[in-house]
Amino acid sequence: MSDIFGRVCSIFLAVIILFGMPLVYMNERAKTAEQMDLLTEATHFVDSVCNTGTISGQMLRSFYASLARESAVYEVTFLHEQPEYVYDEADERYVRCETYHDEEDIRKQVEQGEEYFFCRGDFFLVTIEKKAGFTLIPAIRDRTVSIRYGGTVKYEAF
């Protein structure tokens, strides 16, 4: 009886190794390809924003359309960091202070039909996180596909 049990276990283990490991490998390759595609789209969007110094409604719609081609649900956040130098009278020197604007500020202005403008030297950051989509094991949530890309605004329209 134990000889049969050992053979059944070894056949079951061989099936898992022969068919399961390639499936895991293909899933990892698919996640890498998805992450590279997201990085490409984020790089294209952030670089165009940093070069022009504006976000228009068409740019935002094009960015979201490129993300909608994927077979997953993503959460996209924007961060606009605007440095300011304030004179501190107590220390008699200039101190750097940052003002932050998030995606609500940007979307509100863009949805009104206006362009969102940046100043030269501002920092713009896009974060894309996968919230839902295909997973190899449905009970385990996979949060390995996420992108953060940002850059300093050059505003080459001068």
N, C-alpha and C. Protein backbone atom coordinates (compact mmCIF):
# COMPACT_ATOMS: atom_id res chain seq x y z
N MET A 1 0.81 -1.19 0.00
CA MET A 1 0.00 0.00 0.00
C MET A 1 0.86 1.26 0.00
N SER A 2 1.95 1.24 0.80
CA SER A 2 2.80 2.43 0.85
C SER A 2 3.56 2.63 -0.44
N ASP A 3 3.85 1.55 -1.16
CA ASP A 3 4.53 1.65 -2.44
C ASP A 3 3.65 2.37 -3.47
N ILE A 4 2.35 2.08 -3.45
CA ILE A 4 1.41 2.75 -4.36
C ILE A 4 1.28 4.22 -3.98
N PHE A 5 1.20 4.49 -2.70
CA PHE A 5 1.09 5.88 -2.23
C PHE A 5 2.33 6.69 -2.65
N GLY A 6 3.50 6.11 -2.54
CA GLY A 6 4.72 6.79 -2.95
C GLY A 6 4.76 7.06 -4.44
N ARG A 7 4.29 6.10 -5.23
CA ARG A 7 4.27 6.30 -6.69
C ARG A 7 3.27 7.39 -7.07
N VAL A 8 2.09 7.40 -6.44
CA VAL A 8 1.09 8.42 -6.73
C VAL A 8 1.62 9.80 -6.35
N CYS A 9 2.27 9.90 -5.21
CA CYS A 9 2.85 11.18 -4.80
C CYS A 9 3.95 11.64 -5.75
N SER A 10 4.79 10.72 -6.18
CA SER A 10 5.86 11.10 -7.10
C SER A 10 5.32 11.50 -8.46
N ILE A 11 4.27 10.83 -8.95
CA ILE A 11 3.64 11.23 -10.22
C ILE A 11 2.99 12.60 -10.07
N PHE A 12 2.31 12.82 -8.96
CA PHE A 12 1.68 14.12 -8.71
C PHE A 12 2.73 15.24 -8.64
N LEU A 13 3.84 14.99 -7.97
CA LEU A 13 4.92 15.97 -7.88
C LEU A 13 5.54 16.23 -9.25
N ALA A 14 5.72 15.19 -10.04
CA ALA A 14 6.28 15.36 -11.39
C ALA A 14 5.36 16.18 -12.27
N VAL A 15 4.05 15.96 -12.16
CA VAL A 15 3.09 16.75 -12.94
C VAL A 15 3.14 18.21 -12.53
N ILE A 16 3.22 18.47 -11.24
CA ILE A 16 3.31 19.85 -10.77
C ILE A 16 4.57 20.52 -11.29
N ILE A 17 5.67 19.83 -11.24
CA ILE A 17 6.94 20.42 -11.71
C ILE A 17 6.93 20.61 -13.22
N LEU A 18 6.45 19.62 -13.96
CA LEU A 18 6.49 19.70 -15.42
C LEU A 18 5.51 20.72 -15.99
N PHE A 19 4.35 20.90 -15.35
CA PHE A 19 3.36 21.82 -15.89
C PHE A 19 3.23 23.11 -15.07
N GLY A 20 3.50 23.04 -13.80
CA GLY A 20 3.33 24.21 -12.94
C GLY A 20 4.45 25.22 -13.08
N MET A 21 5.68 24.75 -13.12
CA MET A 21 6.81 25.67 -13.19
C MET A 21 6.84 26.48 -14.49
N PRO A 22 6.58 25.88 -15.65
CA PRO A 22 6.50 26.73 -16.86
C PRO A 22 5.37 27.75 -16.79
N LEU A 23 4.28 27.38 -16.14
CA LEU A 23 3.17 28.32 -16.00
C LEU A 23 3.57 29.51 -15.12
N VAL A 24 4.26 29.24 -14.04
CA VAL A 24 4.76 30.32 -13.18
C VAL A 24 5.76 31.19 -13.93
N TYR A 25 6.65 30.55 -14.69
CA TYR A 25 7.64 31.29 -15.48
C TYR A 25 6.96 32.18 -16.52
N MET A 26 5.96 31.66 -17.21
CA MET A 26 5.25 32.46 -18.22
C MET A 26 4.48 33.61 -17.57
N ASN A 27 3.95 33.38 -16.37
CA ASN A 27 3.26 34.45 -15.66
C ASN A 27 4.23 35.57 -15.28
N GLU A 28 5.41 35.22 -14.82
CA GLU A 28 6.41 36.23 -14.48
C GLU A 28 6.85 37.01 -15.72
N ARG A 29 7.00 36.33 -16.84
CA ARG A 29 7.36 37.01 -18.09
C ARG A 29 6.26 37.96 -18.54
N ALA A 30 5.00 37.55 -18.37
CA ALA A 30 3.88 38.41 -18.73
C ALA A 30 3.83 39.65 -17.84
N LYS A 31 4.11 39.48 -16.55
CA LYS A 31 4.14 40.64 -15.65
C LYS A 31 5.27 41.59 -16.00
N THR A 32 6.41 41.05 -16.39
CA THR A 32 7.54 41.89 -16.80
C THR A 32 7.19 42.67 -18.06
N ALA A 33 6.56 42.02 -19.02
CA ALA A 33 6.16 42.71 -20.24
C ALA A 33 5.12 43.79 -19.95
N GLU A 34 4.18 43.50 -19.05
CA GLU A 34 3.17 44.50 -18.67
C GLU A 34 3.81 45.70 -17.98
N GLN A 35 4.76 45.42 -17.11
CA GLN A 35 5.44 46.51 -16.41
C GLN A 35 6.27 47.36 -17.37
N MET A 36 6.90 46.75 -18.36
CA MET A 36 7.65 47.51 -19.36
C MET A 36 6.73 48.37 -20.21
N ASP A 37 5.56 47.85 -20.55
CA ASP A 37 4.60 48.63 -21.32
C ASP A 37 4.10 49.82 -20.51
N LEU A 38 3.82 49.60 -19.23
CA LEU A 38 3.39 50.70 -18.36
C LEU A 38 4.49 51.75 -18.22
N LEU A 39 5.72 51.29 -18.09
CA LEU A 39 6.84 52.23 -17.97
C LEU A 39 7.01 53.04 -19.24
N THR A 40 6.81 52.42 -20.38
CA THR A 40 6.91 53.14 -21.65
C THR A 40 5.84 54.22 -21.75
N GLU A 41 4.61 53.88 -21.40
CA GLU A 41 3.52 54.86 -21.46
C GLU A 41 3.73 55.99 -20.45
N ALA A 42 4.16 55.64 -19.24
CA ALA A 42 4.40 56.67 -18.23
C ALA A 42 5.55 57.58 -18.64
N THR A 43 6.60 57.01 -19.20
CA THR A 43 7.74 57.80 -19.65
C THR A 43 7.34 58.76 -20.76
N HIS A 44 6.57 58.26 -21.71
CA HIS A 44 6.12 59.11 -22.81
C HIS A 44 5.27 60.28 -22.29
N PHE A 45 4.35 60.00 -21.37
CA PHE A 45 3.48 61.04 -20.84
C PHE A 45 4.25 62.05 -20.00
N VAL A 46 5.07 61.57 -19.08
CA VAL A 46 5.81 62.48 -18.19
C VAL A 46 6.81 63.33 -18.98
N ASP A 47 7.50 62.72 -19.92
CA ASP A 47 8.46 63.49 -20.71
C ASP A 47 7.78 64.55 -21.57
N SER A 48 6.60 64.24 -22.12
CA SER A 48 5.90 65.26 -22.90
C SER A 48 5.41 66.39 -22.00
N VAL A 49 4.99 66.05 -20.77
CA VAL A 49 4.58 67.10 -19.83
C VAL A 49 5.78 67.95 -19.42
N CYS A 50 6.90 67.30 -19.13
CA CYS A 50 8.09 68.03 -18.71
C CYS A 50 8.65 68.90 -19.82
N ASN A 51 8.52 68.48 -21.06
CA ASN A 51 9.04 69.27 -22.17
C ASN A 51 8.15 70.45 -22.52
N THR A 52 6.82 70.27 -22.44
CA THR A 52 5.92 71.36 -22.81
C THR A 52 5.52 72.23 -21.63
N GLY A 53 5.51 71.67 -20.42
CA GLY A 53 5.12 72.44 -19.25
C GLY A 53 3.63 72.55 -19.05
N THR A 54 2.85 71.75 -19.78
CA THR A 54 1.39 71.78 -19.64
C THR A 54 0.82 70.38 -19.69
N ILE A 55 -0.39 70.25 -19.14
CA ILE A 55 -1.20 69.04 -19.32
C ILE A 55 -2.52 69.50 -19.91
N SER A 56 -2.84 68.99 -21.08
CA SER A 56 -4.11 69.32 -21.71
C SER A 56 -5.06 68.14 -21.56
N GLY A 57 -6.32 68.38 -21.88
CA GLY A 57 -7.31 67.32 -21.81
C GLY A 57 -7.01 66.21 -22.80
N GLN A 58 -6.51 66.57 -23.98
CA GLN A 58 -6.17 65.57 -24.99
C GLN A 58 -5.02 64.69 -24.52
N MET A 59 -4.01 65.28 -23.89
CA MET A 59 -2.88 64.50 -23.37
C MET A 59 -3.35 63.51 -22.31
N LEU A 60 -4.23 63.96 -21.42
CA LEU A 60 -4.72 63.11 -20.34
C LEU A 60 -5.59 61.97 -20.89
N ARG A 61 -6.47 62.29 -21.85
CA ARG A 61 -7.30 61.25 -22.45
C ARG A 61 -6.46 60.23 -23.21
N SER A 62 -5.44 60.69 -23.90
CA SER A 62 -4.56 59.78 -24.64
C SER A 62 -3.80 58.87 -23.68
N PHE A 63 -3.37 59.42 -22.55
CA PHE A 63 -2.66 58.61 -21.56
C PHE A 63 -3.58 57.54 -20.97
N TYR A 64 -4.80 57.93 -20.61
CA TYR A 64 -5.74 56.95 -20.06
C TYR A 64 -6.16 55.91 -21.10
N ALA A 65 -6.26 56.32 -22.36
CA ALA A 65 -6.61 55.37 -23.42
C ALA A 65 -5.50 54.34 -23.61
N SER A 66 -4.26 54.77 -23.48
CA SER A 66 -3.15 53.82 -23.61
C SER A 66 -3.13 52.83 -22.45
N LEU A 67 -3.55 53.26 -21.28
CA LEU A 67 -3.64 52.33 -20.14
C LEU A 67 -4.85 51.42 -20.24
N ALA A 68 -5.89 51.87 -20.91
CA ALA A 68 -7.10 51.06 -21.03
C ALA A 68 -6.90 49.88 -21.98
N ARG A 69 -5.87 49.92 -22.81
CA ARG A 69 -5.60 48.80 -23.71
C ARG A 69 -5.14 47.56 -22.95
N GLU A 70 -4.62 47.74 -21.76
CA GLU A 70 -4.17 46.60 -20.95
C GLU A 70 -5.38 45.87 -20.39
N SER A 71 -5.16 44.66 -19.92
CA SER A 71 -6.26 43.85 -19.41
C SER A 71 -6.31 43.88 -17.88
N ALA A 72 -6.14 45.05 -17.32
CA ALA A 72 -6.15 45.18 -15.87
C ALA A 72 -6.72 46.54 -15.48
N VAL A 73 -6.94 46.73 -14.20
CA VAL A 73 -7.42 47.99 -13.66
C VAL A 73 -6.27 48.63 -12.90
N TYR A 74 -5.98 49.89 -13.24
CA TYR A 74 -4.86 50.59 -12.64
C TYR A 74 -5.35 51.81 -11.88
N GLU A 75 -4.61 52.15 -10.83
CA GLU A 75 -4.84 53.40 -10.11
C GLU A 75 -3.69 54.33 -10.48
N VAL A 76 -4.05 55.49 -11.03
CA VAL A 76 -3.06 56.45 -11.49
C VAL A 76 -3.11 57.66 -10.58
N THR A 77 -1.96 58.06 -10.05
CA THR A 77 -1.87 59.27 -9.24
C THR A 77 -0.81 60.19 -9.82
N PHE A 78 -1.09 61.48 -9.75
CA PHE A 78 -0.16 62.50 -10.20
C PHE A 78 0.28 63.32 -8.98
N LEU A 79 1.51 63.79 -9.02
CA LEU A 79 2.00 64.68 -7.97
C LEU A 79 2.81 65.79 -8.62
N HIS A 80 2.45 67.01 -8.31
CA HIS A 80 3.14 68.19 -8.82
C HIS A 80 3.79 68.87 -7.62
N GLU A 81 5.11 68.89 -7.61
CA GLU A 81 5.85 69.53 -6.54
C GLU A 81 6.41 70.85 -7.06
N GLN A 82 6.04 71.92 -6.40
CA GLN A 82 6.44 73.26 -6.83
C GLN A 82 7.34 73.87 -5.76
N PRO A 83 8.64 73.98 -6.05
CA PRO A 83 9.54 74.55 -5.03
C PRO A 83 9.42 76.07 -4.98
N GLU A 84 9.53 76.59 -3.78
CA GLU A 84 9.51 78.04 -3.55
C GLU A 84 10.64 78.37 -2.58
N TYR A 85 11.24 79.51 -2.78
CA TYR A 85 12.29 79.96 -1.88
C TYR A 85 11.78 81.17 -1.12
N VAL A 86 11.72 81.01 0.20
CA VAL A 86 11.18 82.05 1.08
C VAL A 86 12.32 82.57 1.94
N TYR A 87 12.36 83.90 2.09
CA TYR A 87 13.41 84.50 2.91
C TYR A 87 13.04 84.38 4.38
N ASP A 88 13.93 83.75 5.14
CA ASP A 88 13.74 83.59 6.57
C ASP A 88 14.50 84.71 7.27
N GLU A 89 13.76 85.63 7.88
CA GLU A 89 14.40 86.79 8.49
C GLU A 89 15.20 86.42 9.73
N ALA A 90 14.80 85.38 10.44
CA ALA A 90 15.51 84.99 11.64
C ALA A 90 16.90 84.45 11.31
N ASP A 91 17.01 83.63 10.27
CA ASP A 91 18.30 83.08 9.87
C ASP A 91 19.00 83.91 8.82
N GLU A 92 18.29 84.91 8.28
CA GLU A 92 18.80 85.78 7.22
C GLU A 92 19.32 84.98 6.02
N ARG A 93 18.50 84.04 5.57
CA ARG A 93 18.83 83.25 4.38
C ARG A 93 17.54 82.76 3.75
N TYR A 94 17.68 82.27 2.54
CA TYR A 94 16.52 81.72 1.83
C TYR A 94 16.35 80.25 2.20
N VAL A 95 15.09 79.86 2.40
CA VAL A 95 14.75 78.50 2.76
C VAL A 95 13.84 77.93 1.67
N ARG A 96 14.11 76.71 1.28
CA ARG A 96 13.29 76.08 0.25
C ARG A 96 12.05 75.46 0.89
N CYS A 97 10.89 75.77 0.34
CA CYS A 97 9.62 75.21 0.76
C CYS A 97 8.94 74.62 -0.48
N GLU A 98 8.24 73.52 -0.31
CA GLU A 98 7.56 72.89 -1.43
C GLU A 98 6.05 73.00 -1.26
N THR A 99 5.39 73.26 -2.37
CA THR A 99 3.94 73.22 -2.44
C THR A 99 3.56 72.03 -3.30
N TYR A 100 2.63 71.21 -2.82
CA TYR A 100 2.26 69.99 -3.54
C TYR A 100 0.84 70.12 -4.08
N HIS A 101 0.66 69.70 -5.32
CA HIS A 101 -0.66 69.62 -5.95
C HIS A 101 -0.86 68.17 -6.38
N ASP A 102 -2.02 67.60 -6.09
CA ASP A 102 -2.26 66.21 -6.45
C ASP A 102 -3.16 66.12 -7.67
N GLU A 103 -3.60 64.89 -7.97
CA GLU A 103 -4.37 64.67 -9.20
C GLU A 103 -5.73 65.36 -9.19
N GLU A 104 -6.29 65.62 -8.00
CA GLU A 104 -7.57 66.31 -7.95
C GLU A 104 -7.44 67.73 -8.48
N ASP A 105 -6.37 68.42 -8.11
CA ASP A 105 -6.15 69.77 -8.61
C ASP A 105 -5.94 69.78 -10.12
N ILE A 106 -5.17 68.82 -10.59
CA ILE A 106 -4.87 68.76 -12.02
C ILE A 106 -6.12 68.41 -12.81
N ARG A 107 -6.85 67.38 -12.38
CA ARG A 107 -8.05 66.96 -13.11
C ARG A 107 -9.14 68.02 -13.09
N LYS A 108 -9.29 68.72 -11.96
CA LYS A 108 -10.31 69.75 -11.87
C LYS A 108 -10.09 70.84 -12.91
N GLN A 109 -8.85 71.26 -13.07
CA GLN A 109 -8.55 72.31 -14.03
C GLN A 109 -8.66 71.80 -15.47
N VAL A 110 -8.24 70.58 -15.71
CA VAL A 110 -8.29 70.03 -17.07
C VAL A 110 -9.74 69.74 -17.48
N GLU A 111 -10.57 69.28 -16.56
CA GLU A 111 -11.97 68.99 -16.87
C GLU A 111 -12.76 70.25 -17.19
N GLN A 112 -12.30 71.39 -16.74
CA GLN A 112 -12.96 72.65 -17.06
C GLN A 112 -12.58 73.15 -18.45
N GLY A 113 -11.76 72.39 -19.15
CA GLY A 113 -11.37 72.77 -20.51
C GLY A 113 -10.11 73.61 -20.56
N GLU A 114 -9.48 73.80 -19.44
CA GLU A 114 -8.26 74.60 -19.40
C GLU A 114 -7.04 73.68 -19.38
N GLU A 115 -5.90 74.27 -19.63
CA GLU A 115 -4.65 73.51 -19.51
C GLU A 115 -4.07 73.75 -18.12
N TYR A 116 -3.42 72.72 -17.60
CA TYR A 116 -2.74 72.84 -16.31
C TYR A 116 -1.29 73.20 -16.60
N PHE A 117 -0.84 74.32 -16.08
CA PHE A 117 0.50 74.82 -16.38
C PHE A 117 1.48 74.53 -15.24
N PHE A 118 2.71 74.27 -15.63
CA PHE A 118 3.82 74.09 -14.70
C PHE A 118 4.80 75.24 -14.90
N CYS A 119 5.63 75.47 -13.91
CA CYS A 119 6.73 76.43 -14.04
C CYS A 119 8.02 75.66 -14.25
N ARG A 120 8.99 76.33 -14.81
CA ARG A 120 10.29 75.69 -15.01
C ARG A 120 10.88 75.33 -13.64
N GLY A 121 11.37 74.10 -13.52
CA GLY A 121 11.95 73.63 -12.26
C GLY A 121 11.00 72.86 -11.38
N ASP A 122 9.70 72.81 -11.74
CA ASP A 122 8.76 72.01 -10.97
C ASP A 122 9.04 70.54 -11.21
N PHE A 123 8.57 69.71 -10.29
CA PHE A 123 8.76 68.27 -10.41
C PHE A 123 7.40 67.62 -10.60
N PHE A 124 7.29 66.72 -11.57
CA PHE A 124 6.04 66.02 -11.88
C PHE A 124 6.27 64.53 -11.76
N LEU A 125 5.40 63.85 -11.01
CA LEU A 125 5.55 62.42 -10.75
C LEU A 125 4.24 61.70 -11.05
N VAL A 126 4.35 60.56 -11.76
CA VAL A 126 3.19 59.71 -12.06
C VAL A 126 3.42 58.36 -11.40
N THR A 127 2.43 57.87 -10.68
CA THR A 127 2.47 56.55 -10.07
C THR A 127 1.32 55.72 -10.63
N ILE A 128 1.63 54.54 -11.14
CA ILE A 128 0.63 53.63 -11.67
C ILE A 128 0.72 52.33 -10.88
N GLU A 129 -0.40 51.93 -10.27
CA GLU A 129 -0.44 50.69 -9.50
C GLU A 129 -1.55 49.79 -10.04
N LYS A 130 -1.24 48.53 -10.20
CA LYS A 130 -2.23 47.56 -10.66
C LYS A 130 -3.14 47.19 -9.51
N LYS A 131 -4.43 47.38 -9.69
CA LYS A 131 -5.39 47.08 -8.63
C LYS A 131 -6.14 45.78 -8.88
N ALA A 132 -6.40 45.43 -10.12
CA ALA A 132 -7.13 44.20 -10.44
C ALA A 132 -6.70 43.73 -11.81
N GLY A 133 -6.80 42.45 -12.02
CA GLY A 133 -6.44 41.85 -13.30
C GLY A 133 -6.20 40.38 -13.13
N PHE A 134 -5.64 39.73 -14.14
CA PHE A 134 -5.39 38.30 -14.10
C PHE A 134 -4.32 37.97 -13.08
N THR A 135 -4.59 36.99 -12.25
CA THR A 135 -3.59 36.46 -11.33
C THR A 135 -3.53 34.95 -11.49
N LEU A 136 -2.36 34.41 -11.31
CA LEU A 136 -2.17 32.97 -11.45
C LEU A 136 -2.93 32.21 -10.37
N ILE A 137 -2.86 32.70 -9.15
CA ILE A 137 -3.60 32.11 -8.04
C ILE A 137 -4.62 33.15 -7.59
N PRO A 138 -5.92 32.92 -7.82
CA PRO A 138 -6.93 33.95 -7.56
C PRO A 138 -6.99 34.43 -6.11
N ALA A 139 -6.63 33.61 -5.16
CA ALA A 139 -6.74 34.02 -3.75
C ALA A 139 -5.65 35.01 -3.34
N ILE A 140 -4.55 35.06 -4.10
CA ILE A 140 -3.42 35.92 -3.74
C ILE A 140 -3.42 37.15 -4.63
N ARG A 141 -3.43 38.33 -4.02
CA ARG A 141 -3.39 39.58 -4.78
C ARG A 141 -1.94 39.89 -5.14
N ASP A 142 -1.73 40.19 -6.39
CA ASP A 142 -0.39 40.47 -6.89
C ASP A 142 -0.20 41.98 -7.03
N ARG A 143 0.70 42.53 -6.26
CA ARG A 143 0.95 43.96 -6.30
C ARG A 143 2.36 44.28 -6.82
N THR A 144 2.90 43.37 -7.61
CA THR A 144 4.27 43.58 -8.09
C THR A 144 4.33 44.49 -9.30
N VAL A 145 3.22 44.70 -9.99
CA VAL A 145 3.23 45.56 -11.17
C VAL A 145 2.86 46.97 -10.73
N SER A 146 3.86 47.82 -10.60
CA SER A 146 3.63 49.22 -10.28
C SER A 146 4.78 50.04 -10.84
N ILE A 147 4.48 51.27 -11.21
CA ILE A 147 5.45 52.15 -11.87
C ILE A 147 5.43 53.51 -11.17
N ARG A 148 6.60 54.06 -10.96
CA ARG A 148 6.75 55.45 -10.50
C ARG A 148 7.76 56.09 -11.44
N TYR A 149 7.35 57.18 -12.08
CA TYR A 149 8.25 57.87 -12.99
C TYR A 149 7.98 59.36 -12.88
N GLY A 150 9.03 60.14 -12.82
CA GLY A 150 8.87 61.57 -12.72
C GLY A 150 10.02 62.30 -13.36
N GLY A 151 9.89 63.61 -13.41
CA GLY A 151 10.95 64.41 -13.99
C GLY A 151 10.75 65.89 -13.68
N THR A 152 11.80 66.64 -13.94
CA THR A 152 11.77 68.08 -13.72
C THR A 152 11.27 68.77 -14.99
N VAL A 153 10.40 69.73 -14.81
CA VAL A 153 9.80 70.43 -15.94
C VAL A 153 10.83 71.38 -16.54
N LYS A 154 11.06 71.22 -17.83
CA LYS A 154 12.01 72.07 -18.56
C LYS A 154 11.29 73.23 -19.22
N TYR A 155 10.06 72.98 -19.66
CA TYR A 155 9.20 73.98 -20.30
C TYR A 155 9.94 74.65 -21.45
N GLU A 156 10.09 73.90 -22.53
CA GLU A 156 10.86 74.33 -23.68
C GLU A 156 10.10 75.26 -24.62
N ALA A 157 8.97 75.80 -24.19
CA ALA A 157 8.17 76.68 -25.05
C ALA A 157 8.69 78.12 -25.03
N PHE A 158 9.73 78.40 -24.28
CA PHE A 158 10.23 79.78 -24.23
C PHE A 158 10.86 80.17 -25.54
